[in-house]
Amino acid sequence: MNAGGVSIPKQTFHRLPGYYNYLKLLRSEGIETVSSTTIAKDLRLGEVQVRKDLACISKTGGRPRTGFSVAELIDSIEYQLGYNRMDEAVLVGAGNLGRALLSYSGFEEIGINIVAAFDRDESVVGQTLFGKQVLPISKLSDLCQRMHILIGIIAVPGSQAQQVCDLLVSAGIAAIWNFAPVHLTVPDDVLIKNENLAASLAILSQNLSEQLAKGNLL
């Protein structure tokens, strides 16, 4: 992770989407510059941390009294996160979760274009969901290889996930975004990102309970 020859720490990289959404809000309000102090206050982060984070991604640096250019920071973050590069992906599983993912319009903002969905259910195959055609799973490998698709999204039940994962890998998929609640085994050269919604909800519930116990929330 580099920006102009500067290595970006992993934790900084994980904070970039938060900065990005905040800066886009500022731009929508017509704000052209912002200081690290203001960012830190609004996002409830340490000012020293914010300055270090922005130093990693800003090409020009902040200017005395005027601060950082909002537009320049947005461009830099889009470059680092790949939001300015549209990557095509396929989605396997057109059930409730798959449909929710297909309906999400924010994927294009982060550079992902789902070109098609796949499913084994014959009652779903052939439908067009949110502008995406649902194809039979038997056509997955051919489409991925023909269109050079590198990203696969798994939205099937856990019992089917590893089989779907293996199919994606054999089709040439290099990166997998897994929404099934199971650990998947992939070759060393295949990237995988697991989204365990149940675990995330459990953590959120635990944090909420802690805040209520401390009396921080009414």
Foldseek 3Di string as FASTA:
>chain_A
DAAPNFDQDPVLLVCLVVLLVVLVVCVVVVHFFDALVVVCVVVVHDSVVSQVSCVRQAPVAFDPPGGGTSVRSNVSSCVVQVQVAAAEEEEEDCPPVVLVVLQDPCPNSSRYDHAAYEYCDPVQAQDQRNNHHYHYPVCVLVVCQVVVHAEYEYDDEPVCVQVVVVVCVVSRHQEYEYAYQDDYDDDPRHHYHYDDPVVVVVVVVVVVVVCVVVVVDD
